[in-house]
């Protein structure tokens, strides 16, 4: 079938690192157009792509099938709505929207027009998260009782001239990394009954939240599991990325998925051994069953962000279900809103 002709709404870090490499290397897609308001950075790597100067110009291109809305957070709702109204399939960067109301409106519009609407929850294909899923599926830990997911960052200064630090167009850690760690937890355990959270700005001169700890209470699939989600910009010494404790053992995993770092270095997902983690970073699986103690490194599965775009192709051209359907991601926005309410009121918020 014809390639899916795709337009990028921006060519900043998200466009250069997380979208263009996967669009350009997937034979089912064509990177047809890129919005660059004044620069021509995309010209060097993607000379076949047309540079347009505005989002209006992008969505007016009749030949486009798909638009990727990878602009600042506060514009996601408006740009996604306008792209859908123009008859385009749409991928929205996380966070999907800033409110549940906006998210539900976009989902209804996409359904009305028969268009695909997906959210780029790429960390569902992180190597460590895929490994956690495997460990749980194989029952190595017995009955799981505790799940901790921490995303460590360290930047003890306020990065100048970026909307993510000023709060003018969205930003903040809870909507940024929180959208990922909450989504991963919901993928594993389902939506919780309630949320208890502490969200704060800890860096000197900070204007947006740069710390959160969120507890998801009584998740639908495993109400007995205690879930703690955490991120901070002041973690000079890393904490484990994942900690799982069960009745028969534990799994502890340090380090971050290597795909973002490789993409930032300019490596493409077509290189051999893409998404594979060095064995020195493998997590520790420690079990005690029937008097037998085993403590050993557990091989990390390869990460695969390319699977997101492959699913988009199969959905649009073959009718395969969307793996990151916006309809389901509305629940993540609901949880972020509940976390903010919990932090403000210092109370448990029931959904």
Protein backbone atom coordinates (compact mmCIF):
# COMPACT_ATOMS: atom_id res chain seq x y z
CA UNK A 1 0.00 0.00 0.00
CA UNK A 2 0.97 3.65 -0.24
CA UNK A 3 3.26 4.97 2.43
CA UNK A 4 1.70 6.95 5.27
CA UNK A 5 2.64 10.52 4.44
CA UNK A 6 3.53 12.16 7.72
CA UNK A 7 4.04 15.73 8.90
CA UNK A 8 5.93 16.83 12.02
CA UNK A 9 4.50 19.86 13.81
CA UNK A 10 7.92 20.83 15.22
CA UNK A 11 11.58 19.93 14.81
CA UNK A 12 12.93 20.49 18.30
CA UNK A 13 14.31 17.75 20.53
CA UNK A 14 11.14 15.64 20.28
CA UNK A 15 11.03 15.81 16.48
CA UNK A 16 14.75 15.23 15.97
CA UNK A 17 15.18 12.46 18.55
CA UNK A 18 11.89 10.64 19.09
CA UNK A 19 9.94 10.91 15.84
CA UNK A 20 11.91 11.65 12.67
CA UNK A 21 14.35 8.70 13.12
CA UNK A 22 11.48 6.19 13.38
CA UNK A 23 9.37 7.73 10.63
CA UNK A 24 12.30 7.94 8.21
CA UNK A 25 13.54 4.38 8.83
CA UNK A 26 10.15 2.67 8.67
CA UNK A 27 9.44 1.68 5.04
CA UNK A 28 5.70 2.17 5.57
CA UNK A 29 6.10 5.90 6.29
CA UNK A 30 7.26 8.98 4.44
CA UNK A 31 8.45 12.07 6.32
CA UNK A 32 6.64 14.42 3.97
CA UNK A 33 6.79 17.76 5.78
CA UNK A 34 8.33 19.43 8.83
CA UNK A 35 7.30 22.69 10.48
CA UNK A 36 10.28 24.99 11.06
CA UNK A 37 9.20 28.56 11.60
CA UNK A 38 12.55 30.15 10.69
CA UNK A 39 15.31 27.52 10.59
CA UNK A 40 16.02 24.68 8.17
CA UNK A 41 17.62 22.14 10.50
CA UNK A 42 15.76 19.21 8.94
CA UNK A 43 17.24 19.90 5.51
CA UNK A 44 20.55 18.16 6.22
CA UNK A 45 19.10 14.81 7.31
CA UNK A 46 15.80 14.83 5.45
CA UNK A 47 16.33 16.75 2.19
CA UNK A 48 13.33 15.06 0.58
CA UNK A 49 10.97 16.54 3.20
CA UNK A 50 9.23 19.82 2.59
CA UNK A 51 9.80 22.57 5.17
CA UNK A 52 6.69 24.57 6.00
CA UNK A 53 6.55 27.68 8.16
CA UNK A 54 3.36 27.19 10.15
CA UNK A 55 1.02 24.55 11.51
CA UNK A 56 -1.74 25.99 9.33
CA UNK A 57 0.39 25.34 6.26
CA UNK A 58 1.08 21.79 7.46
CA UNK A 59 -2.52 20.72 7.98
CA UNK A 60 -3.58 22.36 4.70
CA UNK A 61 -1.44 19.86 2.76
CA UNK A 62 -3.98 17.56 1.12
CA UNK A 63 -1.42 14.81 0.62
CA UNK A 64 -0.73 14.34 4.33
CA UNK A 65 -2.24 11.30 6.04
CA UNK A 66 -0.81 11.74 9.53
CA UNK A 67 0.22 14.70 11.70
CA UNK A 68 2.49 14.39 14.73
CA UNK A 69 1.67 17.06 17.32
CA UNK A 70 4.98 17.37 19.17
CA UNK A 71 4.68 21.02 20.17
CA UNK A 72 4.69 22.50 23.72
CA UNK A 73 2.20 20.89 26.12
CA UNK A 74 -0.32 23.73 26.20
CA UNK A 75 -0.84 23.55 22.41
CA UNK A 76 -1.57 19.81 22.23
CA UNK A 77 -5.33 20.12 22.48
CA UNK A 78 -5.69 22.95 19.95
CA UNK A 79 -3.30 21.49 17.38
CA UNK A 80 -4.67 17.96 17.66
CA UNK A 81 -8.23 19.28 17.28
CA UNK A 82 -7.33 21.32 14.21
CA UNK A 83 -5.47 18.40 12.61
CA UNK A 84 -8.45 16.09 13.18
CA UNK A 85 -10.82 18.69 11.77
CA UNK A 86 -8.55 18.82 8.70
CA UNK A 87 -9.08 15.07 8.24
CA UNK A 88 -5.66 13.87 9.41
CA UNK A 89 -4.79 10.94 11.61
CA UNK A 90 -3.00 12.28 14.69
CA UNK A 91 -0.22 11.30 17.07
CA UNK A 92 0.08 13.55 20.13
CA UNK A 93 3.22 13.74 22.24
CA UNK A 94 2.72 13.16 25.94
CA UNK A 95 1.16 14.60 27.94
CA UNK A 96 -1.91 14.02 25.77
CA UNK A 97 -3.74 17.12 27.03
CA UNK A 98 -3.70 19.23 30.19
CA UNK A 99 -7.27 18.29 31.23
CA UNK A 100 -9.54 15.26 31.02
CA UNK A 101 -12.23 17.41 29.40
CA UNK A 102 -9.91 18.29 26.52
CA UNK A 103 -8.85 14.67 26.12
CA UNK A 104 -12.43 13.38 25.97
CA UNK A 105 -13.34 16.02 23.40
CA UNK A 106 -10.48 14.96 21.11
CA UNK A 107 -11.34 11.27 21.47
CA UNK A 108 -14.97 11.99 20.53
CA UNK A 109 -13.88 14.07 17.52
CA UNK A 110 -11.56 11.34 16.24
CA UNK A 111 -14.31 8.74 16.58
CA UNK A 112 -16.79 10.99 14.79
CA UNK A 113 -14.41 11.42 11.86
CA UNK A 114 -13.14 7.83 11.82
CA UNK A 115 -9.53 8.89 12.38
CA UNK A 116 -6.71 7.41 14.41
CA UNK A 117 -5.73 9.32 17.57
CA UNK A 118 -2.73 7.98 19.44
CA UNK A 119 -0.48 9.30 22.21
CA UNK A 120 3.28 8.79 22.07
CA UNK A 121 3.66 6.73 25.26
CA UNK A 122 6.94 5.35 23.93
CA UNK A 123 8.20 4.21 27.33
CA UNK A 124 5.84 1.26 27.14
CA UNK A 125 8.69 -0.09 24.96
CA UNK A 126 11.57 0.72 27.35
CA UNK A 127 13.87 -2.24 27.82
CA UNK A 128 13.54 -2.23 31.62
CA UNK A 129 9.76 -1.94 31.56
CA UNK A 130 9.45 -4.82 29.08
CA UNK A 131 11.67 -6.85 31.43
CA UNK A 132 9.50 -6.03 34.44
CA UNK A 133 6.46 -7.19 32.47
CA UNK A 134 8.21 -10.48 31.69
CA UNK A 135 9.22 -11.07 35.31
CA UNK A 136 5.67 -10.50 36.50
CA UNK A 137 4.20 -12.66 33.73
CA UNK A 138 6.50 -15.54 34.71
CA UNK A 139 5.59 -15.23 38.39
CA UNK A 140 9.18 -15.23 39.63
CA UNK A 141 8.35 -13.09 42.67
CA UNK A 142 5.28 -14.96 43.85
CA UNK A 143 2.46 -12.62 44.80
CA UNK A 144 3.65 -9.06 44.20
CA UNK A 145 3.19 -6.77 47.21
CA UNK A 146 5.23 -3.65 46.38
CA UNK A 147 6.13 -1.80 43.18
CA UNK A 148 8.37 1.26 43.07
CA UNK A 149 9.17 3.18 39.90
CA UNK A 150 11.63 6.07 40.12
CA UNK A 151 12.85 8.28 37.29
CA UNK A 152 16.05 9.95 38.48
CA UNK A 153 17.27 13.19 36.95
CA UNK A 154 19.96 15.64 38.02
CA UNK A 155 20.00 19.25 36.92
CA UNK A 156 20.47 21.57 39.88
CA UNK A 157 19.98 24.73 37.84
CA UNK A 158 17.11 26.19 35.85
CA UNK A 159 17.71 25.68 32.14
CA UNK A 160 17.33 29.09 30.46
CA UNK A 161 15.08 29.90 27.52
CA UNK A 162 12.97 26.76 27.61
CA UNK A 163 9.19 26.59 28.00
CA UNK A 164 9.51 23.45 30.13
CA UNK A 165 11.20 25.51 32.87
CA UNK A 166 9.13 28.70 32.69
CA UNK A 167 5.71 27.08 32.83
CA UNK A 168 4.44 29.47 30.14
CA UNK A 169 3.46 26.70 27.73
CA UNK A 170 3.11 23.78 30.10
CA UNK A 171 6.00 21.76 31.42
CA UNK A 172 6.73 20.57 34.92
CA UNK A 173 7.86 17.11 35.96
CA UNK A 174 4.46 15.64 36.79
CA UNK A 175 2.98 16.20 33.34
CA UNK A 176 6.33 15.31 31.72
CA UNK A 177 7.88 12.23 33.32
CA UNK A 178 4.79 11.61 35.41
CA UNK A 179 2.87 10.88 32.22
CA UNK A 180 5.29 8.01 31.60
CA UNK A 181 5.67 6.41 35.03
CA UNK A 182 1.93 6.64 35.75
CA UNK A 183 1.16 5.13 32.34
CA UNK A 184 3.55 2.24 32.96
CA UNK A 185 1.96 1.49 36.33
CA UNK A 186 -1.54 1.56 34.84
CA UNK A 187 -0.41 -0.75 32.04
CA UNK A 188 0.69 -3.27 34.65
CA UNK A 189 -1.99 -2.94 37.31
CA UNK A 190 -4.95 -0.99 35.93
CA UNK A 191 -6.53 2.22 37.18
CA UNK A 192 -6.39 2.78 40.95
CA UNK A 193 -9.28 3.63 43.24
CA UNK A 194 -7.47 6.62 44.74
CA UNK A 195 -4.31 8.74 44.62
CA UNK A 196 -2.11 10.29 47.31
CA UNK A 197 0.66 12.62 46.15
CA UNK A 198 3.23 15.21 47.09
CA UNK A 199 4.34 17.55 44.29
CA UNK A 200 6.87 20.30 44.86
CA UNK A 201 9.40 22.74 43.39
CA UNK A 202 12.70 22.06 45.13
CA UNK A 203 15.33 23.85 43.01
CA UNK A 204 16.27 27.40 43.84
CA UNK A 205 14.43 29.76 41.52
CA UNK A 206 12.29 27.01 40.05
CA UNK A 207 8.99 28.00 38.41
CA UNK A 208 7.59 24.53 37.70
CA UNK A 209 7.32 21.35 39.73
CA UNK A 210 10.56 19.36 39.73
CA UNK A 211 9.70 16.67 42.29
CA UNK A 212 6.82 14.29 42.86
CA UNK A 213 5.99 11.17 44.79
CA UNK A 214 2.67 9.57 43.90
CA UNK A 215 0.96 6.59 45.50
CA UNK A 216 -1.65 4.75 43.46
CA UNK A 217 -4.05 3.01 45.85
CA UNK A 218 -5.89 -0.23 45.16
CA UNK A 219 -5.27 -0.67 41.42
CA UNK A 220 -7.97 -2.61 39.60
CA UNK A 221 -5.86 -5.63 38.58
CA UNK A 222 -3.94 -6.01 41.85
CA UNK A 223 -5.55 -4.06 44.73
CA UNK A 224 -3.10 -5.44 47.31
CA UNK A 225 0.01 -4.04 45.57
CA UNK A 226 1.53 -0.89 47.11
CA UNK A 227 2.56 1.40 44.24
CA UNK A 228 5.01 4.29 44.64
CA UNK A 229 6.03 6.51 41.72
CA UNK A 230 8.76 9.12 42.06
CA UNK A 231 10.84 11.57 40.04
CA UNK A 232 13.11 14.47 40.90
CA UNK A 233 15.65 16.80 39.29
CA UNK A 234 17.85 16.63 42.39
CA UNK A 235 18.97 13.02 42.40
CA UNK A 236 22.73 13.24 41.95
CA UNK A 237 23.11 9.66 43.15
CA UNK A 238 20.64 7.47 41.30
CA UNK A 239 18.05 5.40 43.05
CA UNK A 240 16.88 2.16 41.43
CA UNK A 241 14.68 2.64 38.39
CA UNK A 242 12.45 -0.26 39.48
CA UNK A 243 12.04 -2.11 42.78
CA UNK A 244 9.61 -5.01 42.99
CA UNK A 245 9.00 -7.09 46.12
CA UNK A 246 6.88 -10.21 46.29
CA UNK A 247 6.17 -13.12 48.60
CA UNK A 248 8.94 -15.18 46.98
CA UNK A 249 11.55 -12.63 45.96
CA UNK A 250 12.58 -9.22 44.68
CA UNK A 251 13.76 -7.57 41.48
CA UNK A 252 15.89 -4.41 41.55
CA UNK A 253 16.93 -2.56 38.40
CA UNK A 254 19.20 0.50 38.06
CA UNK A 255 19.88 2.62 34.98
CA UNK A 256 17.76 3.99 32.15
CA UNK A 257 16.76 2.55 28.80
CA UNK A 258 19.57 3.34 26.30
CA UNK A 259 17.39 4.30 23.33
CA UNK A 260 17.06 8.01 24.12
CA UNK A 261 20.82 8.35 24.68
CA UNK A 262 21.57 6.55 21.41
CA UNK A 263 19.07 8.67 19.48
CA UNK A 264 20.56 11.83 20.97
CA UNK A 265 23.99 10.69 19.70
CA UNK A 266 22.52 10.37 16.22
CA UNK A 267 22.30 6.58 16.08
CA UNK A 268 19.38 5.23 14.08
CA UNK A 269 17.13 2.32 15.11
CA UNK A 270 18.45 0.35 12.12
CA UNK A 271 21.87 -0.24 13.73
CA UNK A 272 22.62 -3.80 14.92
CA UNK A 273 21.60 -4.63 18.49
CA UNK A 274 19.34 -1.58 18.75
CA UNK A 275 17.76 -1.18 22.18
CA UNK A 276 20.00 -3.75 23.83
CA UNK A 277 21.38 -2.87 27.24
CA UNK A 278 24.92 -3.65 28.36
CA UNK A 279 24.84 -6.66 30.65
CA UNK A 280 26.55 -4.62 33.38
CA UNK A 281 23.22 -2.77 33.72
CA UNK A 282 21.05 -5.87 34.08
CA UNK A 283 18.84 -5.99 37.13
CA UNK A 284 19.14 -8.37 40.09
CA UNK A 285 16.55 -11.10 40.59
CA UNK A 286 16.67 -12.50 44.14
CA UNK A 287 14.26 -15.31 44.98
CA UNK A 288 13.78 -17.73 47.85
CA UNK A 289 11.51 -20.68 47.05
CA UNK A 290 11.25 -24.04 48.78
CA UNK A 291 14.45 -23.39 50.67
CA UNK A 292 16.40 -22.56 47.52
CA UNK A 293 18.00 -19.12 47.32
CA UNK A 294 18.86 -17.66 43.90
CA UNK A 295 20.41 -14.23 43.44
CA UNK A 296 21.58 -13.45 39.90
CA UNK A 297 21.47 -10.83 37.17
CA UNK A 298 18.46 -11.10 34.91
CA UNK A 299 18.88 -10.36 31.18
CA UNK A 300 17.21 -7.13 30.08
CA UNK A 301 14.97 -7.47 27.05
CA UNK A 302 15.74 -5.15 24.11
CA UNK A 303 13.83 -1.88 24.03
CA UNK A 304 11.91 -1.07 20.87
CA UNK A 305 10.39 2.39 20.35
CA UNK A 306 10.01 1.50 16.67
CA UNK A 307 7.14 -0.79 17.66
CA UNK A 308 5.00 2.29 18.30
CA UNK A 309 5.15 3.44 14.68
CA UNK A 310 4.82 -0.11 13.37
CA UNK A 311 1.55 -0.36 15.30
CA UNK A 312 0.39 2.98 13.87
CA UNK A 313 0.94 1.61 10.37
CA UNK A 314 -0.86 -1.65 11.12
CA UNK A 315 -3.78 0.24 12.64
CA UNK A 316 -4.24 2.69 9.76
CA UNK A 317 -3.64 0.25 6.92
CA UNK A 318 -4.73 -3.09 8.40
CA UNK A 319 -7.16 -2.24 11.22
CA UNK A 320 -5.01 -3.58 14.04
CA UNK A 321 -5.99 -2.11 17.46
CA UNK A 322 -3.99 0.87 18.62
CA UNK A 323 -1.60 -0.05 21.40
CA UNK A 324 -1.48 3.55 22.64
CA UNK A 325 -5.05 4.61 21.98
CA UNK A 326 -5.83 8.12 23.21
CA UNK A 327 -9.07 6.81 24.70
CA UNK A 328 -7.09 4.89 27.30
CA UNK A 329 -4.54 7.65 27.88
CA UNK A 330 -7.28 10.03 29.06
CA UNK A 331 -7.10 8.03 32.29
CA UNK A 332 -3.48 9.06 32.75
CA UNK A 333 -4.47 12.74 32.57
CA UNK A 334 -7.19 12.01 35.12
CA UNK A 335 -4.56 10.59 37.47
CA UNK A 336 -2.26 13.59 36.98
CA UNK A 337 -5.14 15.92 37.81
CA UNK A 338 -5.92 13.82 40.90
CA UNK A 339 -2.26 13.89 41.97
CA UNK A 340 -2.22 17.69 41.79
CA UNK A 341 -5.46 17.89 43.79
CA UNK A 342 -4.05 15.50 46.38
CA UNK A 343 -0.87 17.53 46.73
CA UNK A 344 -2.79 20.80 47.10
CA UNK A 345 -5.26 19.45 49.66
CA UNK A 346 -2.84 17.05 51.37
CA UNK A 347 -5.46 14.34 51.16
CA UNK A 348 -6.28 11.08 49.46
CA UNK A 349 -8.28 11.76 46.30
CA UNK A 350 -10.77 9.08 45.29
CA UNK A 351 -11.42 8.70 41.58
